[in-house]
C-alpha atoms as a PDB file:
ATOM      1  CA  MET A   1      77.854 207.553  48.753  1.00  0.00           C
ATOM      2  CA  ARG A   2      77.048 211.261  49.379  1.00  0.00           C
ATOM      3  CA  ARG A   3      80.721 212.076  49.709  1.00  0.00           C
ATOM      4  CA  PHE A   4      81.602 210.141  46.536  1.00  0.00           C
ATOM      5  CA  THR A   5      78.854 211.922  44.595  1.00  0.00           C
ATOM      6  CA  ASN A   6      79.978 215.309  45.907  1.00  0.00           C
ATOM      7  CA  LEU A   7      83.499 214.531  44.706  1.00  0.00           C
ATOM      8  CA  LEU A   8      82.175 213.700  41.235  1.00  0.00           C
ATOM      9  CA  ALA A   9      80.101 216.884  41.185  1.00  0.00           C
ATOM     10  CA  LEU A  10      83.097 219.019  42.138  1.00  0.00           C
ATOM     11  CA  ALA A  11      85.287 217.352  39.544  1.00  0.00           C
ATOM     12  CA  LEU A  12      82.556 217.818  36.944  1.00  0.00           C
ATOM     13  CA  ALA A  13      82.258 221.527  37.693  1.00  0.00           C
ATOM     14  CA  GLN A  14      86.009 221.968  37.348  1.00  0.00           C
ATOM     15  CA  ALA A  15      86.151 219.948  34.141  1.00  0.00           C
ATOM     16  CA  LEU A  16      83.229 221.775  32.557  1.00  0.00           C
ATOM     17  CA  ALA A  17      84.800 225.130  33.386  1.00  0.00           C
ATOM     18  CA  SER A  18      87.871 224.295  31.323  1.00  0.00           C
ATOM     19  CA  SER A  19      86.225 222.157  28.643  1.00  0.00           C
ATOM     20  CA  PRO A  20      85.691 223.391  25.092  1.00  0.00           C
ATOM     21  CA  ALA A  21      82.199 221.928  25.349  1.00  0.00           C
ATOM     22  CA  SER A  22      81.335 223.913  28.485  1.00  0.00           C
ATOM     23  CA  GLY A  23      79.032 226.117  26.466  1.00  0.00           C
ATOM     24  CA  GLN A  24      76.600 223.249  25.955  1.00  0.00           C
ATOM     25  CA  ALA A  25      73.358 223.047  27.856  1.00  0.00           C
ATOM     26  CA  SER A  26      73.620 222.005  31.476  1.00  0.00           C
ATOM     27  CA  PRO A  27      72.504 218.514  32.586  1.00  0.00           C
ATOM     28  CA  ALA A  28      69.501 220.058  34.347  1.00  0.00           C
ATOM     29  CA  ALA A  29      68.450 221.877  31.193  1.00  0.00           C
ATOM     30  CA  LYS A  30      68.908 218.740  29.090  1.00  0.00           C
ATOM     31  CA  SER A  31      66.716 216.704  31.427  1.00  0.00           C
ATOM     32  CA  GLN A  32      63.831 219.101  30.764  1.00  0.00           C
ATOM     33  CA  SER A  33      64.127 218.745  26.951  1.00  0.00           C
ATOM     34  CA  PRO A  34      61.918 216.373  24.925  1.00  0.00           C
ATOM     35  CA  ALA A  35      62.930 212.724  24.822  1.00  0.00           C
ATOM     36  CA  PRO A  36      65.320 211.937  21.950  1.00  0.00           C
ATOM     37  CA  ALA A  37      64.269 209.894  18.944  1.00  0.00           C
ATOM     38  CA  ALA A  38      64.735 206.201  19.652  1.00  0.00           C
ATOM     39  CA  GLY A  39      66.271 205.538  16.248  1.00  0.00           C
ATOM     40  CA  SER A  40      69.034 208.113  16.650  1.00  0.00           C
ATOM     41  CA  VAL A  41      69.910 206.788  20.105  1.00  0.00           C
ATOM     42  CA  GLN A  42      70.089 203.203  18.864  1.00  0.00           C
ATOM     43  CA  ARG A  43      72.345 204.263  15.982  1.00  0.00           C
ATOM     44  CA  ALA A  44      74.617 206.094  18.410  1.00  0.00           C
ATOM     45  CA  LEU A  45      74.802 203.038  20.683  1.00  0.00           C
ATOM     46  CA  SER A  46      75.632 200.847  17.692  1.00  0.00           C
ATOM     47  CA  GLN A  47      78.349 203.268  16.595  1.00  0.00           C
ATOM     48  CA  ALA A  48      79.806 203.349  20.110  1.00  0.00           C
ATOM     49  CA  ASP A  49      79.928 199.543  20.227  1.00  0.00           C
ATOM     50  CA  LYS A  50      81.985 199.597  16.996  1.00  0.00           C
ATOM     51  CA  GLY A  51      84.413 202.193  18.323  1.00  0.00           C
ATOM     52  CA  TYR A  52      83.055 205.274  16.546  1.00  0.00           C
ATOM     53  CA  CYS A  53      83.102 207.302  19.733  1.00  0.00           C
ATOM     54  CA  LYS A  54      83.741 210.755  18.286  1.00  0.00           C
ATOM     55  CA  GLU A  55      80.773 210.308  15.980  1.00  0.00           C
ATOM     56  CA  SER A  56      78.371 208.867  18.560  1.00  0.00           C
ATOM     57  CA  LEU A  57      79.255 210.834  21.694  1.00  0.00           C
ATOM     58  CA  PRO A  58      77.373 214.066  20.875  1.00  0.00           C
ATOM     59  CA  THR A  59      74.099 212.129  20.509  1.00  0.00           C
ATOM     60  CA  LEU A  60      74.771 209.965  23.553  1.00  0.00           C
ATOM     61  CA  ARG A  61      75.639 212.924  25.742  1.00  0.00           C
ATOM     62  CA  SER A  62      72.613 214.963  24.725  1.00  0.00           C
ATOM     63  CA  SER A  63      70.320 211.946  25.203  1.00  0.00           C
ATOM     64  CA  MET A  64      71.407 210.443  28.516  1.00  0.00           C
ATOM     65  CA  HIS A  65      69.583 213.007  30.671  1.00  0.00           C
ATOM     66  CA  ARG A  66      66.362 212.748  28.639  1.00  0.00           C
ATOM     67  CA  MET A  67      65.744 208.997  28.460  1.00  0.00           C
ATOM     68  CA  PRO A  68      62.345 208.143  29.987  1.00  0.00           C
ATOM     69  CA  ASP A  69      63.239 204.454  30.246  1.00  0.00           C
ATOM     70  CA  LYS A  70      65.635 203.694  33.112  1.00  0.00           C
ATOM     71  CA  GLU A  71      67.261 200.711  31.420  1.00  0.00           C
ATOM     72  CA  MET A  72      67.931 202.727  28.280  1.00  0.00           C
ATOM     73  CA  GLN A  73      69.228 205.643  30.337  1.00  0.00           C
ATOM     74  CA  TYR A  74      71.693 203.264  31.986  1.00  0.00           C
ATOM     75  CA  ARG A  75      72.904 201.962  28.608  1.00  0.00           C
ATOM     76  CA  VAL A  76      73.294 205.435  27.128  1.00  0.00           C
ATOM     77  CA  ALA A  77      75.079 206.869  30.149  1.00  0.00           C
ATOM     78  CA  MET A  78      77.444 203.890  30.345  1.00  0.00           C
ATOM     79  CA  ALA A  79      78.213 204.193  26.643  1.00  0.00           C
ATOM     80  CA  SER A  80      78.793 207.930  27.097  1.00  0.00           C
ATOM     81  CA  ALA A  81      81.237 207.320  29.949  1.00  0.00           C
ATOM     82  CA  ARG A  82      83.160 204.605  28.099  1.00  0.00           C
ATOM     83  CA  CYS A  83      83.369 206.583  24.849  1.00  0.00           C
ATOM     84  CA  ALA A  84      84.427 209.734  26.649  1.00  0.00           C
ATOM     85  CA  MET A  85      87.144 207.781  28.462  1.00  0.00           C
ATOM     86  CA  SER A  86      88.445 206.420  25.156  1.00  0.00           C
ATOM     87  CA  ILE A  87      88.819 209.885  23.627  1.00  0.00           C
ATOM     88  CA  GLY A  88      89.974 211.605  26.816  1.00  0.00           C
ATOM     89  CA  ASP A  89      86.976 213.901  27.390  1.00  0.00           C
ATOM     90  CA  SER A  90      87.021 214.120  31.189  1.00  0.00           C
ATOM     91  CA  ALA A  91      84.079 216.522  31.373  1.00  0.00           C
ATOM     92  CA  VAL A  92      81.712 214.076  29.671  1.00  0.00           C
ATOM     93  CA  VAL A  93      83.045 211.116  31.679  1.00  0.00           C
ATOM     94  CA  LEU A  94      82.322 212.932  34.927  1.00  0.00           C
ATOM     95  CA  GLU A  95      78.926 214.114  33.724  1.00  0.00           C
ATOM     96  CA  ALA A  96      77.934 210.553  32.828  1.00  0.00           C
ATOM     97  CA  LEU A  97      79.311 209.100  36.053  1.00  0.00           C
ATOM     98  CA  LEU A  98      77.498 211.686  38.143  1.00  0.00           C
ATOM     99  CA  LEU A  99      74.243 210.730  36.443  1.00  0.00           C
ATOM    100  CA  LEU A 100      74.931 207.026  36.940  1.00  0.00           C
ATOM    101  CA  ARG A 101      75.924 207.456  40.594  1.00  0.00           C
ATOM    102  CA  THR A 102      72.737 209.429  41.207  1.00  0.00           C
ATOM    103  CA  GLN A 103      70.338 207.131  39.367  1.00  0.00           C
ATOM    104  CA  PHE A 104      72.068 203.766  39.954  1.00  0.00           C
ATOM    105  CA  PRO A 105      74.069 204.253  43.187  1.00  0.00           C
ATOM    106  CA  GLN A 106      74.488 200.558  44.071  1.00  0.00           C
ATOM    107  CA  ASP A 107      75.258 199.200  40.611  1.00  0.00           C
ATOM    108  CA  PRO A 108      78.599 197.311  40.728  1.00  0.00           C
ATOM    109  CA  GLU A 109      79.683 198.352  37.230  1.00  0.00           C
ATOM    110  CA  VAL A 110      78.969 202.005  38.007  1.00  0.00           C
ATOM    111  CA  LEU A 111      80.970 201.777  41.223  1.00  0.00           C
ATOM    112  CA  TYR A 112      83.837 200.034  39.444  1.00  0.00           C
ATOM    113  CA  MET A 113      83.947 202.533  36.588  1.00  0.00           C
ATOM    114  CA  SER A 114      83.795 205.487  39.006  1.00  0.00           C
ATOM    115  CA  ALA A 115      86.683 204.153  41.066  1.00  0.00           C
ATOM    116  CA  GLN A 116      88.683 203.295  37.958  1.00  0.00           C
ATOM    117  CA  PHE A 117      88.280 206.712  36.380  1.00  0.00           C
ATOM    118  CA  LEU A 118      88.877 208.777  39.520  1.00  0.00           C
ATOM    119  CA  SER A 119      91.969 206.717  40.284  1.00  0.00           C
ATOM    120  CA  SER A 120      93.252 207.310  36.758  1.00  0.00           C
ATOM    121  CA  LEU A 121      92.452 211.012  37.024  1.00  0.00           C
ATOM    122  CA  ALA A 122      94.322 211.253  40.331  1.00  0.00           C
ATOM    123  CA  ASN A 123      97.376 209.474  38.923  1.00  0.00           C
ATOM    124  CA  GLN A 124      97.385 211.677  35.842  1.00  0.00           C
ATOM    125  CA  SER A 125      97.123 214.840  37.934  1.00  0.00           C
ATOM    126  CA  ALA A 126      99.942 213.662  40.204  1.00  0.00           C
ATOM    127  CA  GLN A 127     102.194 213.006  37.217  1.00  0.00           C
ATOM    128  CA  GLU A 128     101.426 216.427  35.772  1.00  0.00           C
ATOM    129  CA  LEU A 129     102.206 218.078  39.116  1.00  0.00           C
ATOM    130  CA  VAL A 130     105.580 216.360  39.417  1.00  0.00           C
ATOM    131  CA  LYS A 131     106.400 217.184  35.788  1.00  0.00           C
ATOM    132  CA  THR A 132     105.365 220.837  35.791  1.00  0.00           C
ATOM    133  CA  ALA A 133     106.294 221.865  39.353  1.00  0.00           C
ATOM    134  CA  PRO A 134     108.766 219.311  40.764  1.00  0.00           C
ATOM    135  CA  ASP A 135     110.140 221.716  43.389  1.00  0.00           C
ATOM    136  CA  SER A 136     106.775 222.978  44.622  1.00  0.00           C
ATOM    137  CA  PRO A 137     105.536 222.305  48.168  1.00  0.00           C
ATOM    138  CA  GLN A 138     102.566 220.512  46.620  1.00  0.00           C
ATOM    139  CA  ALA A 139     104.857 218.010  44.884  1.00  0.00           C
ATOM    140  CA  ALA A 140     106.798 217.502  48.120  1.00  0.00           C
ATOM    141  CA  LYS A 141     103.551 216.944  50.016  1.00  0.00           C
ATOM    142  CA  LEU A 142     102.417 214.422  47.416  1.00  0.00           C
ATOM    143  CA  ASN A 143     105.647 212.489  47.938  1.00  0.00           C
ATOM    144  CA  ALA A 144     105.278 212.620  51.720  1.00  0.00           C
ATOM    145  CA  GLU A 145     101.696 211.394  51.498  1.00  0.00           C
ATOM    146  CA  ALA A 146     102.827 208.473  49.346  1.00  0.00           C
ATOM    147  CA  LEU A 147     105.405 207.509  51.984  1.00  0.00           C
ATOM    148  CA  GLU A 148     102.753 207.820  54.679  1.00  0.00           C
ATOM    149  CA  SER A 149     100.345 205.577  52.755  1.00  0.00           C
ATOM    150  CA  GLN A 150     103.106 202.954  52.605  1.00  0.00           C
ATOM    151  CA  GLN A 151     103.490 203.230  56.407  1.00  0.00           C
ATOM    152  CA  ARG A 152     107.088 204.367  56.017  1.00  0.00           C
ATOM    153  CA  TRP A 153     106.569 206.535  59.058  1.00  0.00           C
ATOM    154  CA  ASP A 154     110.105 207.821  59.596  1.00  0.00           C
ATOM    155  CA  ASP A 155     110.604 208.694  55.916  1.00  0.00           C
ATOM    156  CA  ALA A 156     107.203 210.396  55.752  1.00  0.00           C
ATOM    157  CA  GLU A 157     107.843 212.422  58.894  1.00  0.00           C
ATOM    158  CA  ALA A 158     111.226 213.517  57.543  1.00  0.00           C
ATOM    159  CA  ALA A 159     109.615 214.551  54.252  1.00  0.00           C
ATOM    160  CA  TYR A 160     106.961 216.600  56.043  1.00  0.00           C
ATOM    161  CA  ARG A 161     109.544 218.282  58.262  1.00  0.00           C
ATOM    162  CA  LYS A 162     111.571 219.197  55.182  1.00  0.00           C
ATOM    163  CA  ILE A 163     108.487 220.953  53.814  1.00  0.00           C
ATOM    164  CA  LEU A 164     108.219 222.939  57.045  1.00  0.00           C
ATOM    165  CA  GLU A 165     111.861 223.990  56.792  1.00  0.00           C
ATOM    166  CA  GLN A 166     111.109 225.659  53.475  1.00  0.00           C
ATOM    167  CA  HIS A 167     107.471 226.603  54.113  1.00  0.00           C
ATOM    168  CA  PRO A 168     106.958 226.968  57.889  1.00  0.00           C
ATOM    169  CA  LYS A 169     103.380 228.248  57.498  1.00  0.00           C
ATOM    170  CA  ALA A 170     102.213 225.489  55.156  1.00  0.00           C
ATOM    171  CA  PRO A 171      98.822 224.231  56.394  1.00  0.00           C
ATOM    172  CA  ASP A 172      98.097 220.576  57.207  1.00  0.00           C
ATOM    173  CA  ILE A 173     101.773 219.603  57.655  1.00  0.00           C
ATOM    174  CA  HIS A 174     101.946 219.743  61.457  1.00  0.00           C
ATOM    175  CA  PHE A 175      98.671 217.819  61.534  1.00  0.00           C
ATOM    176  CA  ARG A 176     100.085 215.048  59.367  1.00  0.00           C
ATOM    177  CA  ILE A 177     103.223 214.819  61.505  1.00  0.00           C
ATOM    178  CA  ALA A 178     101.007 214.472  64.582  1.00  0.00           C
ATOM    179  CA  ARG A 179      99.025 211.716  62.911  1.00  0.00           C
ATOM    180  CA  ILE A 180     102.236 209.849  62.071  1.00  0.00           C
ATOM    181  CA  LEU A 181     103.453 210.151  65.651  1.00  0.00           C
ATOM    182  CA  LEU A 182     100.209 208.666  66.939  1.00  0.00           C
ATOM    183  CA  ASP A 183     100.310 205.882  64.353  1.00  0.00           C
ATOM    184  CA  LYS A 184     103.843 204.968  65.389  1.00  0.00           C
ATOM    185  CA  SER A 185     103.254 204.862  69.133  1.00  0.00           C
ATOM    186  CA  SER A 186     100.553 205.301  71.772  1.00  0.00           C
ATOM    187  CA  THR A 187     102.711 206.295  74.752  1.00  0.00           C
ATOM    188  CA  PRO A 188     101.978 209.422  76.814  1.00  0.00           C
ATOM    189  CA  GLU A 189     105.241 210.907  75.575  1.00  0.00           C
ATOM    190  CA  THR A 190     104.188 210.436  71.953  1.00  0.00           C
ATOM    191  CA  ALA A 191     100.761 211.929  72.688  1.00  0.00           C
ATOM    192  CA  ALA A 192     102.452 214.998  74.170  1.00  0.00           C
ATOM    193  CA  LYS A 193     104.593 215.430  71.040  1.00  0.00           C
ATOM    194  CA  ALA A 194     101.571 214.999  68.814  1.00  0.00           C
ATOM    195  CA  ARG A 195      99.637 217.531  70.888  1.00  0.00           C
ATOM    196  CA  ALA A 196     102.427 220.069  70.416  1.00  0.00           C
ATOM    197  CA  GLU A 197     102.323 219.542  66.651  1.00  0.00           C
ATOM    198  CA  LEU A 198      98.559 219.972  66.584  1.00  0.00           C
ATOM    199  CA  LEU A 199      98.739 223.222  68.532  1.00  0.00           C
ATOM    200  CA  GLN A 200     101.267 224.470  65.991  1.00  0.00           C
ATOM    201  CA  GLU A 201      98.878 223.438  63.241  1.00  0.00           C
ATOM    202  CA  LEU A 202      96.151 225.561  64.802  1.00  0.00           C
ATOM    203  CA  GLU A 203      98.495 228.540  64.897  1.00  0.00           C
ATOM    204  CA  VAL A 204      98.977 228.171  61.137  1.00  0.00           C
ATOM    205  CA  ASN A 205      95.430 227.046  60.353  1.00  0.00           C
ATOM    206  CA  PRO A 206      93.016 227.976  63.167  1.00  0.00           C
ATOM    207  CA  ASN A 207      90.063 226.548  61.214  1.00  0.00           C
ATOM    208  CA  SER A 208      91.395 222.983  61.129  1.00  0.00           C
ATOM    209  CA  ALA A 209      88.550 220.790  62.356  1.00  0.00           C
ATOM    210  CA  SER A 210      90.822 217.762  61.944  1.00  0.00           C
ATOM    211  CA  ALA A 211      93.432 219.151  64.349  1.00  0.00           C
ATOM    212  CA  GLU A 212      90.747 219.998  66.898  1.00  0.00           C
ATOM    213  CA  PHE A 213      89.310 216.499  66.592  1.00  0.00           C
ATOM    214  CA  VAL A 214      92.633 214.751  67.206  1.00  0.00           C
ATOM    215  CA  LEU A 215      93.335 217.022  70.173  1.00  0.00           C
ATOM    216  CA  GLY A 216      89.964 215.902  71.482  1.00  0.00           C
ATOM    217  CA  GLU A 217      90.915 212.263  70.953  1.00  0.00           C
ATOM    218  CA  ILE A 218      94.161 212.751  72.880  1.00  0.00           C
ATOM    219  CA  GLY A 219      92.179 214.257  75.744  1.00  0.00           C
ATOM    220  CA  ARG A 220      89.532 211.524  75.619  1.00  0.00           C
ATOM    221  CA  ARG A 221      92.088 208.713  75.694  1.00  0.00           C
ATOM    222  CA  SER A 222      93.701 210.184  78.798  1.00  0.00           C
ATOM    223  CA  GLY A 223      90.368 210.796  80.538  1.00  0.00           C
ATOM    224  CA  GLN A 224      90.638 214.570  80.282  1.00  0.00           C
ATOM    225  CA  TRP A 225      86.952 215.018  79.566  1.00  0.00           C
ATOM    226  CA  ASP A 226      86.747 218.822  79.755  1.00  0.00           C
ATOM    227  CA  GLU A 227      89.638 219.152  77.298  1.00  0.00           C
ATOM    228  CA  ALA A 228      88.121 216.543  74.996  1.00  0.00           C
ATOM    229  CA  ILE A 229      84.713 218.227  75.088  1.00  0.00           C
ATOM    230  CA  GLN A 230      86.241 221.603  74.265  1.00  0.00           C
ATOM    231  CA  HIS A 231      88.082 220.328  71.206  1.00  0.00           C
ATOM    232  CA  PHE A 232      85.264 218.104  69.912  1.00  0.00           C
ATOM    233  CA  THR A 233      82.863 221.039  70.250  1.00  0.00           C
ATOM    234  CA  ARG A 234      85.154 223.269  68.226  1.00  0.00           C
ATOM    235  CA  ALA A 235      85.636 220.550  65.589  1.00  0.00           C
ATOM    236  CA  SER A 236      81.870 220.176  65.150  1.00  0.00           C
ATOM    237  CA  LYS A 237      81.438 223.947  64.826  1.00  0.00           C
ATOM    238  CA  LEU A 238      84.283 224.327  62.339  1.00  0.00           C
ATOM    239  CA  ASP A 239      82.861 221.531  60.163  1.00  0.00           C
ATOM    240  CA  VAL A 240      79.153 220.996  60.683  1.00  0.00           C
ATOM    241  CA  GLY A 241      79.228 217.844  58.552  1.00  0.00           C
ATOM    242  CA  PHE A 242      81.971 216.173  60.627  1.00  0.00           C
ATOM    243  CA  ALA A 243      79.894 213.242  61.865  1.00  0.00           C
ATOM    244  CA  GLU A 244      82.543 211.591  64.049  1.00  0.00           C
ATOM    245  CA  ALA A 245      83.040 214.845  65.963  1.00  0.00           C
ATOM    246  CA  TYR A 246      79.404 214.721  67.122  1.00  0.00           C
ATOM    247  CA  LEU A 247      79.725 211.090  68.190  1.00  0.00           C
ATOM    248  CA  ALA A 248      82.966 211.717  70.082  1.00  0.00           C
ATOM    249  CA  LEU A 249      81.500 214.827  71.711  1.00  0.00           C
ATOM    250  CA  GLY A 250      78.391 212.990  72.847  1.00  0.00           C
ATOM    251  CA  MET A 251      80.391 210.084  74.249  1.00  0.00           C
ATOM    252  CA  SER A 252      82.756 212.433  76.075  1.00  0.00           C
ATOM    253  CA  LEU A 253      79.865 214.372  77.593  1.00  0.00           C
ATOM    254  CA  SER A 254      78.305 211.111  78.770  1.00  0.00           C
ATOM    255  CA  SER A 255      81.623 209.983  80.260  1.00  0.00           C
ATOM    256  CA  ALA A 256      81.817 213.307  82.086  1.00  0.00           C
ATOM    257  CA  GLY A 257      78.352 212.683  83.557  1.00  0.00           C
ATOM    258  CA  LYS A 258      76.700 215.322  81.363  1.00  0.00           C
ATOM    259  CA  ASP A 259      74.131 213.049  79.756  1.00  0.00           C
ATOM    260  CA  ALA A 260      71.553 215.775  79.151  1.00  0.00           C
ATOM    261  CA  GLU A 261      74.118 217.741  77.129  1.00  0.00           C
ATOM    262  CA  ALA A 262      75.174 214.578  75.276  1.00  0.00           C
ATOM    263  CA  VAL A 263      71.748 214.094  73.693  1.00  0.00           C
ATOM    264  CA  ALA A 264      71.968 216.915  71.113  1.00  0.00           C
ATOM    265  CA  PRO A 265      75.298 215.928  69.484  1.00  0.00           C
ATOM    266  CA  LEU A 266      74.316 212.253  69.482  1.00  0.00           C
ATOM    267  CA  GLU A 267      71.010 213.115  67.826  1.00  0.00           C
ATOM    268  CA  GLN A 268      72.959 215.035  65.199  1.00  0.00           C
ATOM    269  CA  TYR A 269      75.255 212.074  64.658  1.00  0.00           C
ATOM    270  CA  VAL A 270      72.446 209.573  64.009  1.00  0.00           C
ATOM    271  CA  LYS A 271      70.849 212.106  61.687  1.00  0.00           C
ATOM    272  CA  ILE A 272      74.042 212.199  59.585  1.00  0.00           C
ATOM    273  CA  VAL A 273      74.912 208.487  59.909  1.00  0.00           C
ATOM    274  CA  PRO A 274      71.615 206.680  60.563  1.00  0.00           C
ATOM    275  CA  GLU A 275      73.031 203.315  59.476  1.00  0.00           C
ATOM    276  CA  ASN A 276      75.619 203.076  62.281  1.00  0.00           C
ATOM    277  CA  PRO A 277      74.285 201.035  65.228  1.00  0.00           C
ATOM    278  CA  ALA A 278      76.886 202.513  67.594  1.00  0.00           C
ATOM    279  CA  GLY A 279      75.305 205.935  67.305  1.00  0.00           C
ATOM    280  CA  HIS A 280      71.848 204.637  68.147  1.00  0.00           C
ATOM    281  CA  TYR A 281      73.239 202.729  71.130  1.00  0.00           C
ATOM    282  CA  GLN A 282      75.041 205.761  72.549  1.00  0.00           C
ATOM    283  CA  LEU A 283      71.936 207.902  72.076  1.00  0.00           C
ATOM    284  CA  ALA A 284      69.773 205.241  73.733  1.00  0.00           C
ATOM    285  CA  MET A 285      72.071 205.269  76.773  1.00  0.00           C
ATOM    286  CA  ALA A 286      71.917 209.070  76.969  1.00  0.00           C
ATOM    287  CA  TYR A 287      68.114 209.013  76.726  1.00  0.00           C
ATOM    288  CA  SER A 288      67.899 206.301  79.387  1.00  0.00           C
ATOM    289  CA  ARG A 289      70.101 208.178  81.837  1.00  0.00           C
ATOM    290  CA  THR A 290      68.013 211.316  81.416  1.00  0.00           C
ATOM    291  CA  GLY A 291      64.740 209.485  82.033  1.00  0.00           C
ATOM    292  CA  ASN A 292      63.440 209.381  78.453  1.00  0.00           C
ATOM    293  CA  LYS A 293      62.657 205.672  78.448  1.00  0.00           C
ATOM    294  CA  GLU A 294      60.414 205.743  75.378  1.00  0.00           C
ATOM    295  CA  ALA A 295      63.093 207.388  73.221  1.00  0.00           C
ATOM    296  CA  ALA A 296      65.709 205.019  74.649  1.00  0.00           C
ATOM    297  CA  ALA A 297      63.626 202.000  73.642  1.00  0.00           C
ATOM    298  CA  ARG A 298      63.164 203.418  70.155  1.00  0.00           C
ATOM    299  CA  GLU A 299      66.910 203.936  69.692  1.00  0.00           C
ATOM    300  CA  LEU A 300      67.714 200.458  70.996  1.00  0.00           C
ATOM    301  CA  GLU A 301      65.328 199.020  68.436  1.00  0.00           C
ATOM    302  CA  LEU A 302      67.049 201.042  65.721  1.00  0.00           C
ATOM    303  CA  GLN A 303      70.373 199.822  67.043  1.00  0.00           C
ATOM    304  CA  ARG A 304      69.249 196.196  66.692  1.00  0.00           C
ATOM    305  CA  LYS A 305      67.889 196.749  63.189  1.00  0.00           C
ATOM    306  CA  THR A 306      70.961 198.575  61.904  1.00  0.00           C
ATOM    307  CA  ALA A 307      73.293 196.035  63.510  1.00  0.00           C
ATOM    308  CA  LYS A 308      71.694 193.290  61.416  1.00  0.00           C
ATOM    309  CA  ASN A 309      72.265 195.200  58.196  1.00  0.00           C
ATOM    310  CA  ALA A 310      75.565 196.901  58.937  1.00  0.00           C
ATOM    311  CA  PRO A 311      78.800 195.558  57.430  1.00  0.00           C
ATOM    312  CA  LEU A 312      81.835 195.268  59.633  1.00  0.00           C
ATOM    313  CA  ARG A 313      82.934 198.847  60.284  1.00  0.00           C
ATOM    314  CA  ARG A 314      86.508 199.896  60.693  1.00  0.00           C
ATOM    315  CA  ALA A 315      87.345 202.226  63.532  1.00  0.00           C
ATOM    316  CA  PRO A 316      87.047 205.854  62.380  1.00  0.00           C
ATOM    317  CA  ASN A 317      90.233 207.566  61.259  1.00  0.00           C
ATOM    318  CA  ALA A 318      91.871 210.061  63.534  1.00  0.00           C
ATOM    319  CA  ALA A 319      90.392 212.808  61.413  1.00  0.00           C
ATOM    320  CA  ARG A 320      87.960 213.457  58.673  1.00  0.00           C
ATOM    321  CA  PRO A 321      89.395 212.834  55.201  1.00  0.00           C
ATOM    322  CA  GLN A 322      90.761 216.004  53.673  1.00  0.00           C
END
C-alpha cells in the first residue's frame, strides 16, 4: 500500500506542476480551511450525478479535504475523481485518489478506481511516447518490456540487445537481459552468462541495487556465501528500502554460520515487512542460535500470528520493481 500511495503522490506532483490549476491551494492548506457549507456540497454532488462535472468539480475539489464527516468525505472525493476522469483533469483525479487511498486504503472501489486510472494513464503515456518519439531508446525499451511481459524471451532479449547496439551505455538493459537469461534457464552456464551481463550493468550503472541483488542471488544459489553476502550488503546500502535485500542478506549470513551478524538485517526486514511470517521465522532462528531465547520465542509467536493472517505469497522477484 505504501508503494502504491507513493506512486500516486509522485504522479500528483508531476500533474500539478503542469496543470493550469496548479496555482490553487495545496491539499494540506485546504484541509486546514473551515468546513464547506453542506448545501453547496450537496448541490455539487447532485450536479455531478447528472453529468455537470465542469460545473460541480470546483466545489467538490475544494471541499473533499475539509469534510468533517468521513462518509461525506468519501462521497465527495469519489465524485471528484469520477468527474475529473470524465473531463480529463489528471491532476484532480490523482489528488482525489491520493486522499481516498490515504483515508480509505482497503476500500474495494478505491482500489479498483486507482488501478483503472493508473492503467489508463500508463497506456496513454505509452501511446504518446510511441507517437512523438518512435525511434527513441525509451520507445524501444517499452517494446522490449512488452515482449518480456508476454514471456517471449528470445524476442525480448533480441530487442534489448538492439538497444545496446545503438546505445551501449543505456542503463538497466544489461540487467533486463540477465533477468531474461535466468527466467529461461537455471543451468550453471546460464548463471555465468547472466553474471557477466550484471557486471556490465554495474559498469554502466554502479548504483544499481537490482543488479547487486541478482548477483547475490546467483551466489546464494551456488552456495557462494561470501559473494552473496557482499552483493546483498551493497544492494541494501544502495537502496535502504529494499526489503528483500535485508532478508536475503540475513539468510546468507546465517547459512555462512554468522548468526550474530544476521540479526541486524533480519531485524530491519521485519521492521519494513512486519506482516511476512518468513521474516519472523528467520529472525527467530538467528536469535535462538545466538542464545537470545526470549527474543526467539517472541519472533516465533509473531511468525504464528502473521502466518494465520497472511495471504499466499508469491516468491519475491529477482529484483525490486523499478
